[in-house]
């Protein structure tokens, strides 16, 4: 994976960084928000892009 396009996804409820993904920063300027599974809470929660 290229380090330039790599972003962290942080859970909004626990603050845990659980996922890493890629994003085209030229086409998508807004912050990425995805519903992902949180193993601590054992359910799907909203994860937001955070700074490196």
N, C-alpha and C. Protein backbone atom coordinates (compact mmCIF):
# COMPACT_ATOMS: atom_id res chain seq x y z
N UNK A 1 0.84 -1.18 0.00
CA UNK A 1 0.00 0.00 0.00
C UNK A 1 0.88 1.24 0.00
N UNK A 2 0.47 2.21 -0.78
CA UNK A 2 1.18 3.49 -0.80
C UNK A 2 0.88 4.27 0.48
N UNK A 3 1.89 4.82 1.08
CA UNK A 3 1.72 5.56 2.33
C UNK A 3 1.04 6.91 2.12
N UNK A 4 1.08 7.44 0.88
CA UNK A 4 0.47 8.74 0.60
C UNK A 4 -1.04 8.69 0.70
N UNK A 5 -1.65 7.61 0.27
CA UNK A 5 -3.11 7.50 0.23
C UNK A 5 -3.68 6.82 1.47
N UNK A 6 -2.84 6.42 2.41
CA UNK A 6 -3.29 5.67 3.57
C UNK A 6 -3.92 6.60 4.61
N UNK A 7 -5.11 6.23 5.11
CA UNK A 7 -5.78 7.01 6.15
C UNK A 7 -6.21 6.08 7.28
N UNK A 8 -6.39 6.64 8.47
CA UNK A 8 -6.85 5.89 9.64
C UNK A 8 -8.33 6.15 9.84
N UNK A 9 -9.06 5.13 10.28
CA UNK A 9 -10.47 5.28 10.62
C UNK A 9 -10.62 5.07 12.12
N UNK A 10 -11.18 6.06 12.80
CA UNK A 10 -11.33 6.03 14.25
C UNK A 10 -12.81 5.91 14.60
N UNK A 11 -13.12 5.04 15.55
CA UNK A 11 -14.50 4.85 16.01
C UNK A 11 -14.96 6.11 16.74
N UNK A 12 -16.19 6.55 16.48
CA UNK A 12 -16.71 7.75 17.12
C UNK A 12 -17.16 7.48 18.55
N UNK A 13 -17.45 6.24 18.89
CA UNK A 13 -17.95 5.92 20.23
C UNK A 13 -16.84 5.56 21.22
N UNK A 14 -15.86 4.77 20.78
CA UNK A 14 -14.79 4.36 21.70
C UNK A 14 -13.48 5.11 21.47
N UNK A 15 -13.28 5.68 20.31
CA UNK A 15 -12.03 6.38 20.00
C UNK A 15 -10.92 5.46 19.56
N UNK A 16 -11.22 4.21 19.36
CA UNK A 16 -10.23 3.21 18.97
C UNK A 16 -9.98 3.27 17.47
N UNK A 17 -8.72 3.19 17.07
CA UNK A 17 -8.36 3.14 15.65
C UNK A 17 -8.34 1.67 15.26
N UNK A 18 -9.29 1.26 14.45
CA UNK A 18 -9.40 -0.14 14.13
C UNK A 18 -9.17 -0.48 12.67
N UNK A 19 -9.23 0.51 11.79
CA UNK A 19 -9.13 0.23 10.37
C UNK A 19 -8.24 1.24 9.68
N UNK A 20 -7.57 0.78 8.61
CA UNK A 20 -6.78 1.60 7.71
C UNK A 20 -7.31 1.36 6.32
N UNK A 21 -7.40 2.41 5.51
CA UNK A 21 -7.89 2.27 4.16
C UNK A 21 -7.21 3.31 3.27
N UNK A 22 -7.52 3.27 1.98
CA UNK A 22 -6.96 4.21 1.03
C UNK A 22 -8.03 5.17 0.54
N UNK A 23 -7.58 6.37 0.12
CA UNK A 23 -8.51 7.37 -0.39
C UNK A 23 -7.78 8.22 -1.42
N UNK A 24 -8.49 8.56 -2.50
CA UNK A 24 -7.95 9.49 -3.48
C UNK A 24 -8.22 10.90 -2.97
N UNK A 25 -7.19 11.58 -2.48
CA UNK A 25 -7.36 12.88 -1.83
C UNK A 25 -7.64 14.00 -2.82
N UNK A 26 -7.34 13.79 -4.10
CA UNK A 26 -7.63 14.82 -5.10
C UNK A 26 -9.10 14.86 -5.46
N UNK A 27 -9.75 13.71 -5.52
CA UNK A 27 -11.16 13.64 -5.89
C UNK A 27 -12.09 13.78 -4.69
N UNK A 28 -11.70 13.25 -3.54
CA UNK A 28 -12.53 13.29 -2.34
C UNK A 28 -11.85 14.18 -1.30
N UNK A 29 -12.34 15.41 -1.20
CA UNK A 29 -11.70 16.35 -0.27
C UNK A 29 -12.31 16.28 1.13
N UNK A 30 -13.57 15.84 1.26
CA UNK A 30 -14.19 15.78 2.58
C UNK A 30 -13.73 14.53 3.33
N UNK A 31 -13.94 14.54 4.64
CA UNK A 31 -13.51 13.41 5.47
C UNK A 31 -14.41 12.19 5.22
N UNK A 32 -13.79 11.04 5.22
CA UNK A 32 -14.49 9.79 4.96
C UNK A 32 -15.18 9.30 6.22
N UNK A 33 -16.44 8.84 6.08
CA UNK A 33 -17.20 8.27 7.18
C UNK A 33 -17.80 6.95 6.72
N UNK A 34 -17.51 5.88 7.44
CA UNK A 34 -18.01 4.55 7.10
C UNK A 34 -18.54 3.86 8.34
N UNK A 35 -19.53 3.00 8.15
CA UNK A 35 -20.00 2.16 9.25
C UNK A 35 -19.20 0.86 9.19
N UNK A 36 -18.45 0.60 10.25
CA UNK A 36 -17.60 -0.58 10.33
C UNK A 36 -17.88 -1.30 11.65
N UNK A 37 -17.46 -2.56 11.70
CA UNK A 37 -17.67 -3.37 12.90
C UNK A 37 -16.65 -3.02 13.96
N UNK A 38 -17.12 -2.82 15.19
CA UNK A 38 -16.25 -2.57 16.34
C UNK A 38 -16.27 -3.81 17.22
N UNK A 39 -15.14 -4.52 17.32
CA UNK A 39 -15.13 -5.76 18.11
C UNK A 39 -15.28 -5.53 19.61
N UNK A 40 -14.93 -4.34 20.11
CA UNK A 40 -15.10 -4.06 21.54
C UNK A 40 -16.57 -3.97 21.92
N UNK A 41 -17.37 -3.30 21.08
CA UNK A 41 -18.79 -3.14 21.34
C UNK A 41 -19.64 -4.25 20.72
N UNK A 42 -19.03 -5.02 19.84
CA UNK A 42 -19.67 -6.14 19.14
C UNK A 42 -20.87 -5.68 18.30
N UNK A 43 -20.70 -4.55 17.62
CA UNK A 43 -21.73 -4.05 16.71
C UNK A 43 -21.10 -3.05 15.74
N UNK A 44 -21.86 -2.66 14.72
CA UNK A 44 -21.38 -1.71 13.74
C UNK A 44 -21.55 -0.29 14.26
N UNK A 45 -20.49 0.52 14.11
CA UNK A 45 -20.51 1.91 14.56
C UNK A 45 -19.93 2.78 13.45
N UNK A 46 -20.10 4.09 13.59
CA UNK A 46 -19.58 5.04 12.63
C UNK A 46 -18.09 5.27 12.87
N UNK A 47 -17.30 5.16 11.82
CA UNK A 47 -15.86 5.40 11.89
C UNK A 47 -15.55 6.59 10.98
N UNK A 48 -14.74 7.53 11.49
CA UNK A 48 -14.38 8.73 10.74
C UNK A 48 -12.90 8.76 10.48
N UNK A 49 -12.55 9.42 9.39
CA UNK A 49 -11.15 9.62 9.04
C UNK A 49 -10.52 10.57 10.05
N UNK A 50 -9.28 10.28 10.43
CA UNK A 50 -8.57 11.14 11.36
C UNK A 50 -7.23 11.53 10.76
N UNK A 51 -6.55 12.49 11.38
CA UNK A 51 -5.24 12.91 10.90
C UNK A 51 -4.21 11.84 11.14
N UNK A 52 -3.12 11.87 10.36
CA UNK A 52 -2.07 10.89 10.52
C UNK A 52 -1.30 11.08 11.76
